Amino acid sequence: MSFFSQQPFDIRLEWGSHAVELLAQDVDCIIIVDVMSFSSCVSLAAGRGAKIYPYPWKDTSAEAYADRLGAVTASGTRRFAGQGYSLSPASLANIAPGTKLVLPSPNGSALAFSARDSGAAVFCGGLRNLSATAASCKAYSRILVVAGGERWPDGSLRPALEDWLAAGGIVSLLSGRTPSPEAQAAAAAYRALEPSALRQCSSARELIERGFSADVDLCLAVDADESACRLRGDHFIRV
């Protein structure tokens, strides 16, 4: 698999779970990018002093996991009304400092959960904390940026434009390095397309049609948060 590893380059970029499974052992730093909505949820909540525990399965095991941690569990169904938290970033806008929240999702959360034992520093990046993420990761010599993507109805990976562009935005701020062609292409796309144009991408249109336009606004707010989010053991905190 060495020809897929992008080993000659300081900054590498690849998609989904296979990127973590096959490439994580050869880097010092992993950046998980899942703009709509895991990365945005983590940035919002951690920025307000909460601790976010990634978990890959949206079933009763998430509640059992939260019980062991003394944490609360976000609903696996996106919503921004009613009690509790969910994968809607808007539901986390007023989360209390110190809250311990298990955030289950099959995309970004599953990737972060998988990356915990890689030996690399793990960050969660998106548009909301683009500059802070790049600044925190400059100290590392070998960086893997993982674009999370979304899912087709059959569960297979759907490459998502917003994740590729946010990953490229982070790459573009890591100056003085040698990015792989994959990373260079994403950075060029970020420079060529205004983030506001992402309101018309497939993921944004889906959320808007479902009534979650407020989430889209939060997810596309570039550098709205001043802190990076790093995995400390089993949870993300602001750094």
C-alpha atoms as a PDB file:
ATOM      1  CA  MET A   1       0.000   0.000   0.000  1.00  0.00           C
ATOM      2  CA  SER A   2       3.042   2.297   0.094  1.00  0.00           C
ATOM      3  CA  PHE A   3       2.195   3.858  -3.269  1.00  0.00           C
ATOM      4  CA  PHE A   4      -1.091   5.142  -1.767  1.00  0.00           C
ATOM      5  CA  SER A   5       0.520   6.547   1.379  1.00  0.00           C
ATOM      6  CA  GLN A   6       1.771   9.881  -0.080  1.00  0.00           C
ATOM      7  CA  GLN A   7       4.932   9.226   1.965  1.00  0.00           C
ATOM      8  CA  PRO A   8       7.269  11.611   0.105  1.00  0.00           C
ATOM      9  CA  PHE A   9       5.153  14.571   1.270  1.00  0.00           C
ATOM     10  CA  ASP A  10       4.846  16.469   4.554  1.00  0.00           C
ATOM     11  CA  ILE A  11       1.104  17.065   4.166  1.00  0.00           C
ATOM     12  CA  ARG A  12      -1.166  14.326   2.895  1.00  0.00           C
ATOM     13  CA  LEU A  13      -4.870  14.300   2.177  1.00  0.00           C
ATOM     14  CA  GLU A  14      -7.215  11.360   1.774  1.00  0.00           C
ATOM     15  CA  TRP A  15     -10.857  10.374   2.256  1.00  0.00           C
ATOM     16  CA  GLY A  16     -12.767   8.478   4.909  1.00  0.00           C
ATOM     17  CA  SER A  17     -12.135   5.530   7.171  1.00  0.00           C
ATOM     18  CA  HIS A  18      -9.483   3.877   4.982  1.00  0.00           C
ATOM     19  CA  ALA A  19      -7.317   6.982   5.329  1.00  0.00           C
ATOM     20  CA  VAL A  20      -7.215   6.506   9.097  1.00  0.00           C
ATOM     21  CA  GLU A  21      -6.865   2.739   8.924  1.00  0.00           C
ATOM     22  CA  LEU A  22      -4.066   2.656   6.336  1.00  0.00           C
ATOM     23  CA  LEU A  23      -2.214   5.979   6.546  1.00  0.00           C
ATOM     24  CA  ALA A  24      -2.382   7.104  10.180  1.00  0.00           C
ATOM     25  CA  GLN A  25       0.587   5.045  11.384  1.00  0.00           C
ATOM     26  CA  ASP A  26       3.025   7.053   9.288  1.00  0.00           C
ATOM     27  CA  VAL A  27       2.139  10.588  10.468  1.00  0.00           C
ATOM     28  CA  ASP A  28       2.518  12.728  13.587  1.00  0.00           C
ATOM     29  CA  CYS A  29      -0.775  14.574  13.275  1.00  0.00           C
ATOM     30  CA  ILE A  30      -4.246  13.743  11.940  1.00  0.00           C
ATOM     31  CA  ILE A  31      -6.870  16.376  11.182  1.00  0.00           C
ATOM     32  CA  ILE A  32     -10.445  15.089  10.861  1.00  0.00           C
ATOM     33  CA  VAL A  33     -12.661  17.299   8.662  1.00  0.00           C
ATOM     34  CA  ASP A  34     -16.439  16.792   8.673  1.00  0.00           C
ATOM     35  CA  VAL A  35     -17.952  20.234   8.146  1.00  0.00           C
ATOM     36  CA  MET A  36     -21.651  19.323   8.245  1.00  0.00           C
ATOM     37  CA  SER A  37     -21.708  18.651  11.066  1.00  0.00           C
ATOM     38  CA  PHE A  38     -19.262  16.838  13.384  1.00  0.00           C
ATOM     39  CA  SER A  39     -16.373  19.302  13.046  1.00  0.00           C
ATOM     40  CA  SER A  40     -18.693  22.269  13.496  1.00  0.00           C
ATOM     41  CA  CYS A  41     -20.352  20.700  16.540  1.00  0.00           C
ATOM     42  CA  VAL A  42     -16.996  19.988  18.160  1.00  0.00           C
ATOM     43  CA  SER A  43     -15.690  23.487  17.442  1.00  0.00           C
ATOM     44  CA  LEU A  44     -18.805  25.147  18.852  1.00  0.00           C
ATOM     45  CA  ALA A  45     -19.052  22.987  21.955  1.00  0.00           C
ATOM     46  CA  ALA A  46     -15.352  22.758  22.810  1.00  0.00           C
ATOM     47  CA  GLY A  47     -15.035  26.484  22.250  1.00  0.00           C
ATOM     48  CA  ARG A  48     -17.567  26.935  25.053  1.00  0.00           C
ATOM     49  CA  GLY A  49     -15.639  24.687  27.405  1.00  0.00           C
ATOM     50  CA  ALA A  50     -17.432  21.382  26.855  1.00  0.00           C
ATOM     51  CA  LYS A  51     -15.705  18.013  26.468  1.00  0.00           C
ATOM     52  CA  ILE A  52     -16.797  16.104  23.360  1.00  0.00           C
ATOM     53  CA  TYR A  53     -16.441  12.317  23.230  1.00  0.00           C
ATOM     54  CA  PRO A  54     -16.591  10.861  19.702  1.00  0.00           C
ATOM     55  CA  TYR A  55     -18.475   7.607  19.271  1.00  0.00           C
ATOM     56  CA  PRO A  56     -19.127   5.784  15.987  1.00  0.00           C
ATOM     57  CA  TRP A  57     -22.507   4.127  16.550  1.00  0.00           C
ATOM     58  CA  LYS A  58     -25.896   5.804  16.839  1.00  0.00           C
ATOM     59  CA  ASP A  59     -27.580   3.115  18.944  1.00  0.00           C
ATOM     60  CA  THR A  60     -28.170   2.185  22.587  1.00  0.00           C
ATOM     61  CA  SER A  61     -24.466   1.443  23.054  1.00  0.00           C
ATOM     62  CA  ALA A  62     -23.831   5.201  22.872  1.00  0.00           C
ATOM     63  CA  GLU A  63     -25.954   5.719  25.982  1.00  0.00           C
ATOM     64  CA  ALA A  64     -24.140   2.914  27.784  1.00  0.00           C
ATOM     65  CA  TYR A  65     -20.811   4.493  26.822  1.00  0.00           C
ATOM     66  CA  ALA A  66     -22.003   7.875  28.128  1.00  0.00           C
ATOM     67  CA  ASP A  67     -23.151   6.307  31.400  1.00  0.00           C
ATOM     68  CA  ARG A  68     -19.678   4.888  31.992  1.00  0.00           C
ATOM     69  CA  LEU A  69     -18.199   8.338  31.413  1.00  0.00           C
ATOM     70  CA  GLY A  70     -20.768  10.239  33.466  1.00  0.00           C
ATOM     71  CA  ALA A  71     -21.681  12.104  30.277  1.00  0.00           C
ATOM     72  CA  VAL A  72     -24.844  12.960  28.364  1.00  0.00           C
ATOM     73  CA  THR A  73     -25.541  11.608  24.885  1.00  0.00           C
ATOM     74  CA  ALA A  74     -26.414  13.734  21.884  1.00  0.00           C
ATOM     75  CA  SER A  75     -29.401  12.533  19.912  1.00  0.00           C
ATOM     76  CA  GLY A  76     -28.479  10.651  16.771  1.00  0.00           C
ATOM     77  CA  THR A  77     -31.242  12.551  14.976  1.00  0.00           C
ATOM     78  CA  ARG A  78     -30.434  16.104  13.968  1.00  0.00           C
ATOM     79  CA  ARG A  79     -32.658  18.689  15.645  1.00  0.00           C
ATOM     80  CA  PHE A  80     -32.335  22.186  17.065  1.00  0.00           C
ATOM     81  CA  ALA A  81     -35.526  22.377  19.111  1.00  0.00           C
ATOM     82  CA  GLY A  82     -36.475  20.663  22.358  1.00  0.00           C
ATOM     83  CA  GLN A  83     -34.340  19.525  25.252  1.00  0.00           C
ATOM     84  CA  GLY A  84     -30.883  18.026  24.951  1.00  0.00           C
ATOM     85  CA  TYR A  85     -28.264  18.109  22.226  1.00  0.00           C
ATOM     86  CA  SER A  86     -27.973  16.620  18.756  1.00  0.00           C
ATOM     87  CA  LEU A  87     -25.836  16.656  15.617  1.00  0.00           C
ATOM     88  CA  SER A  88     -27.329  20.056  14.870  1.00  0.00           C
ATOM     89  CA  PRO A  89     -24.634  22.654  15.653  1.00  0.00           C
ATOM     90  CA  ALA A  90     -27.427  25.062  16.609  1.00  0.00           C
ATOM     91  CA  SER A  91     -28.412  22.724  19.451  1.00  0.00           C
ATOM     92  CA  LEU A  92     -24.948  23.239  20.976  1.00  0.00           C
ATOM     93  CA  ALA A  93     -24.831  27.020  20.746  1.00  0.00           C
ATOM     94  CA  ASN A  94     -25.520  27.451  24.462  1.00  0.00           C
ATOM     95  CA  ILE A  95     -23.899  24.322  25.868  1.00  0.00           C
ATOM     96  CA  ALA A  96     -22.640  24.856  29.416  1.00  0.00           C
ATOM     97  CA  PRO A  97     -18.900  24.841  30.177  1.00  0.00           C
ATOM     98  CA  GLY A  98     -17.756  21.535  31.614  1.00  0.00           C
ATOM     99  CA  THR A  99     -20.492  19.501  29.928  1.00  0.00           C
ATOM    100  CA  LYS A 100     -19.351  16.001  28.962  1.00  0.00           C
ATOM    101  CA  LEU A 101     -21.097  15.079  25.726  1.00  0.00           C
ATOM    102  CA  VAL A 102     -20.944  11.861  23.727  1.00  0.00           C
ATOM    103  CA  LEU A 103     -21.482  12.787  20.082  1.00  0.00           C
ATOM    104  CA  PRO A 104     -22.264   9.705  17.968  1.00  0.00           C
ATOM    105  CA  SER A 105     -22.012   9.863  14.173  1.00  0.00           C
ATOM    106  CA  PRO A 106     -20.893   7.473  11.421  1.00  0.00           C
ATOM    107  CA  ASN A 107     -18.633  10.019   9.709  1.00  0.00           C
ATOM    108  CA  GLY A 108     -16.374  12.440  11.595  1.00  0.00           C
ATOM    109  CA  SER A 109     -17.033  10.931  14.996  1.00  0.00           C
ATOM    110  CA  ALA A 110     -16.256   7.426  13.753  1.00  0.00           C
ATOM    111  CA  LEU A 111     -13.018   8.675  12.176  1.00  0.00           C
ATOM    112  CA  ALA A 112     -11.920  10.397  15.381  1.00  0.00           C
ATOM    113  CA  PHE A 113     -12.793   7.316  17.438  1.00  0.00           C
ATOM    114  CA  SER A 114     -10.723   5.169  15.083  1.00  0.00           C
ATOM    115  CA  ALA A 115      -7.772   7.580  15.196  1.00  0.00           C
ATOM    116  CA  ARG A 116      -7.528   7.577  19.001  1.00  0.00           C
ATOM    117  CA  ASP A 117      -5.003   4.724  19.141  1.00  0.00           C
ATOM    118  CA  SER A 118      -2.921   5.744  16.129  1.00  0.00           C
ATOM    119  CA  GLY A 119      -0.183   7.359  18.193  1.00  0.00           C
ATOM    120  CA  ALA A 120      -0.625  10.644  16.316  1.00  0.00           C
ATOM    121  CA  ALA A 121      -2.030  13.891  17.658  1.00  0.00           C
ATOM    122  CA  VAL A 122      -5.669  14.106  16.527  1.00  0.00           C
ATOM    123  CA  PHE A 123      -7.422  17.380  15.748  1.00  0.00           C
ATOM    124  CA  CYS A 124     -10.933  18.156  14.549  1.00  0.00           C
ATOM    125  CA  GLY A 125     -10.955  20.921  11.948  1.00  0.00           C
ATOM    126  CA  GLY A 126     -13.516  22.700   9.825  1.00  0.00           C
ATOM    127  CA  LEU A 127     -14.317  26.093   8.443  1.00  0.00           C
ATOM    128  CA  ARG A 128     -15.251  27.501  11.859  1.00  0.00           C
ATOM    129  CA  ASN A 129     -11.736  26.955  13.253  1.00  0.00           C
ATOM    130  CA  LEU A 130      -9.729  26.860  10.036  1.00  0.00           C
ATOM    131  CA  SER A 131      -6.893  29.213  11.053  1.00  0.00           C
ATOM    132  CA  ALA A 132      -6.692  27.954  14.632  1.00  0.00           C
ATOM    133  CA  THR A 133      -6.391  24.361  13.444  1.00  0.00           C
ATOM    134  CA  ALA A 134      -3.614  25.170  10.994  1.00  0.00           C
ATOM    135  CA  ALA A 135      -1.750  27.204  13.618  1.00  0.00           C
ATOM    136  CA  SER A 136      -1.934  24.383  16.176  1.00  0.00           C
ATOM    137  CA  CYS A 137      -0.737  21.777  13.672  1.00  0.00           C
ATOM    138  CA  LYS A 138       2.271  23.666  12.316  1.00  0.00           C
ATOM    139  CA  ALA A 139       4.486  22.074  14.959  1.00  0.00           C
ATOM    140  CA  TYR A 140       4.074  18.621  13.405  1.00  0.00           C
ATOM    141  CA  SER A 141       6.275  17.367  10.599  1.00  0.00           C
ATOM    142  CA  ARG A 142       3.951  14.824   8.942  1.00  0.00           C
ATOM    143  CA  ILE A 143       0.278  15.724   8.740  1.00  0.00           C
ATOM    144  CA  LEU A 144      -2.636  13.693   7.386  1.00  0.00           C
ATOM    145  CA  VAL A 145      -5.792  15.645   6.613  1.00  0.00           C
ATOM    146  CA  VAL A 146      -8.804  13.316   6.414  1.00  0.00           C
ATOM    147  CA  ALA A 147     -11.861  14.554   4.554  1.00  0.00           C
ATOM    148  CA  GLY A 148     -14.743  12.726   6.188  1.00  0.00           C
ATOM    149  CA  GLY A 149     -17.346  12.845   3.446  1.00  0.00           C
ATOM    150  CA  GLU A 150     -21.006  11.891   3.744  1.00  0.00           C
ATOM    151  CA  ARG A 151     -22.950   8.704   2.978  1.00  0.00           C
ATOM    152  CA  TRP A 152     -24.984   7.509   0.040  1.00  0.00           C
ATOM    153  CA  PRO A 153     -28.220   5.657   0.909  1.00  0.00           C
ATOM    154  CA  ASP A 154     -26.378   2.320   0.670  1.00  0.00           C
ATOM    155  CA  GLY A 155     -23.853   3.472   3.289  1.00  0.00           C
ATOM    156  CA  SER A 156     -20.923   3.976   0.909  1.00  0.00           C
ATOM    157  CA  LEU A 157     -18.769   7.088   1.032  1.00  0.00           C
ATOM    158  CA  ARG A 158     -20.054  10.189  -0.759  1.00  0.00           C
ATOM    159  CA  PRO A 159     -17.154  12.645  -1.222  1.00  0.00           C
ATOM    160  CA  ALA A 160     -18.439  15.977   0.079  1.00  0.00           C
ATOM    161  CA  LEU A 161     -17.306  19.259  -1.443  1.00  0.00           C
ATOM    162  CA  GLU A 162     -17.433  21.141   1.862  1.00  0.00           C
ATOM    163  CA  ASP A 163     -15.021  18.695   3.509  1.00  0.00           C
ATOM    164  CA  TRP A 164     -12.600  18.808   0.583  1.00  0.00           C
ATOM    165  CA  LEU A 165     -12.569  22.606   0.539  1.00  0.00           C
ATOM    166  CA  ALA A 166     -12.159  22.948   4.305  1.00  0.00           C
ATOM    167  CA  ALA A 167      -9.335  20.406   4.189  1.00  0.00           C
ATOM    168  CA  GLY A 168      -7.784  22.447   1.383  1.00  0.00           C
ATOM    169  CA  GLY A 169      -8.166  25.623   3.422  1.00  0.00           C
ATOM    170  CA  ILE A 170      -6.196  24.088   6.258  1.00  0.00           C
ATOM    171  CA  VAL A 171      -3.521  22.856   3.836  1.00  0.00           C
ATOM    172  CA  SER A 172      -3.243  26.325   2.281  1.00  0.00           C
ATOM    173  CA  LEU A 173      -2.359  27.786   5.701  1.00  0.00           C
ATOM    174  CA  LEU A 174       0.379  25.233   6.413  1.00  0.00           C
ATOM    175  CA  SER A 175       3.086  27.145   4.565  1.00  0.00           C
ATOM    176  CA  GLY A 176       6.673  26.029   4.212  1.00  0.00           C
ATOM    177  CA  ARG A 177       5.731  22.389   3.705  1.00  0.00           C
ATOM    178  CA  THR A 178       5.602  19.978   0.791  1.00  0.00           C
ATOM    179  CA  PRO A 179       1.977  18.960   0.216  1.00  0.00           C
ATOM    180  CA  SER A 180       1.022  15.945  -1.847  1.00  0.00           C
ATOM    181  CA  PRO A 181      -0.734  16.494  -5.193  1.00  0.00           C
ATOM    182  CA  GLU A 182      -3.979  15.472  -3.467  1.00  0.00           C
ATOM    183  CA  ALA A 183      -3.454  18.153  -0.818  1.00  0.00           C
ATOM    184  CA  GLN A 184      -2.365  20.730  -3.408  1.00  0.00           C
ATOM    185  CA  ALA A 185      -5.536  20.142  -5.428  1.00  0.00           C
ATOM    186  CA  ALA A 186      -7.762  20.693  -2.395  1.00  0.00           C
ATOM    187  CA  ALA A 187      -5.875  23.867  -1.459  1.00  0.00           C
ATOM    188  CA  ALA A 188      -6.232  25.195  -5.004  1.00  0.00           C
ATOM    189  CA  ALA A 189      -9.961  24.482  -4.924  1.00  0.00           C
ATOM    190  CA  TYR A 190     -10.299  26.363  -1.630  1.00  0.00           C
ATOM    191  CA  ARG A 191      -8.518  29.387  -3.060  1.00  0.00           C
ATOM    192  CA  ALA A 192     -10.652  29.301  -6.202  1.00  0.00           C
ATOM    193  CA  LEU A 193     -14.091  29.031  -4.589  1.00  0.00           C
ATOM    194  CA  GLU A 194     -15.595  31.407  -2.050  1.00  0.00           C
ATOM    195  CA  PRO A 195     -16.824  29.509   1.039  1.00  0.00           C
ATOM    196  CA  SER A 196     -20.188  31.236   0.620  1.00  0.00           C
ATOM    197  CA  ALA A 197     -20.659  29.232  -2.585  1.00  0.00           C
ATOM    198  CA  LEU A 198     -20.953  26.130  -0.425  1.00  0.00           C
ATOM    199  CA  ARG A 199     -24.517  27.139   0.431  1.00  0.00           C
ATOM    200  CA  GLN A 200     -25.382  25.626  -2.959  1.00  0.00           C
ATOM    201  CA  CYS A 201     -23.478  22.360  -2.506  1.00  0.00           C
ATOM    202  CA  SER A 202     -25.405  19.115  -2.084  1.00  0.00           C
ATOM    203  CA  SER A 203     -24.917  18.789   1.673  1.00  0.00           C
ATOM    204  CA  ALA A 204     -26.031  22.365   2.342  1.00  0.00           C
ATOM    205  CA  ARG A 205     -29.048  22.099   0.075  1.00  0.00           C
ATOM    206  CA  GLU A 206     -30.136  18.939   1.849  1.00  0.00           C
ATOM    207  CA  LEU A 207     -29.974  20.624   5.258  1.00  0.00           C
ATOM    208  CA  ILE A 208     -31.724  23.774   4.044  1.00  0.00           C
ATOM    209  CA  GLU A 209     -34.552  21.733   2.528  1.00  0.00           C
ATOM    210  CA  ARG A 210     -34.914  19.859   5.825  1.00  0.00           C
ATOM    211  CA  GLY A 211     -35.217  23.133   7.736  1.00  0.00           C
ATOM    212  CA  PHE A 212     -31.672  23.403   9.063  1.00  0.00           C
ATOM    213  CA  SER A 213     -30.501  26.577   7.335  1.00  0.00           C
ATOM    214  CA  ALA A 214     -29.250  27.867  10.711  1.00  0.00           C
ATOM    215  CA  ASP A 215     -26.886  24.890  10.860  1.00  0.00           C
ATOM    216  CA  VAL A 216     -25.556  25.695   7.396  1.00  0.00           C
ATOM    217  CA  ASP A 217     -24.812  29.267   8.497  1.00  0.00           C
ATOM    218  CA  LEU A 218     -22.927  27.993  11.543  1.00  0.00           C
ATOM    219  CA  CYS A 219     -20.972  25.380   9.583  1.00  0.00           C
ATOM    220  CA  LEU A 220     -19.869  27.844   6.881  1.00  0.00           C
ATOM    221  CA  ALA A 221     -18.771  30.633   9.257  1.00  0.00           C
ATOM    222  CA  VAL A 222     -15.046  30.792   8.489  1.00  0.00           C
ATOM    223  CA  ASP A 223     -12.855  31.363  11.580  1.00  0.00           C
ATOM    224  CA  ALA A 224     -15.856  32.073  13.812  1.00  0.00           C
ATOM    225  CA  ASP A 225     -14.084  30.132  16.586  1.00  0.00           C
ATOM    226  CA  GLU A 226     -10.623  31.064  17.838  1.00  0.00           C
ATOM    227  CA  SER A 227      -9.567  27.693  19.257  1.00  0.00           C
ATOM    228  CA  ALA A 228      -8.406  24.452  17.744  1.00  0.00           C
ATOM    229  CA  CYS A 229      -9.907  21.202  19.017  1.00  0.00           C
ATOM    230  CA  ARG A 230      -7.552  18.397  20.024  1.00  0.00           C
ATOM    231  CA  LEU A 231      -8.313  14.877  21.181  1.00  0.00           C
ATOM    232  CA  ARG A 232      -6.994  14.351  24.711  1.00  0.00           C
ATOM    233  CA  GLY A 233      -7.335  10.657  25.404  1.00  0.00           C
ATOM    234  CA  ASP A 234     -10.958   9.975  24.523  1.00  0.00           C
ATOM    235  CA  HIS A 235     -12.397  13.489  24.205  1.00  0.00           C
ATOM    236  CA  PHE A 236     -11.917  16.760  22.331  1.00  0.00           C
ATOM    237  CA  ILE A 237     -11.080  19.978  24.148  1.00  0.00           C
ATOM    238  CA  ARG A 238     -10.181  23.450  22.931  1.00  0.00           C
ATOM    239  CA  VAL A 239      -6.482  24.286  22.691  1.00  0.00           C
END
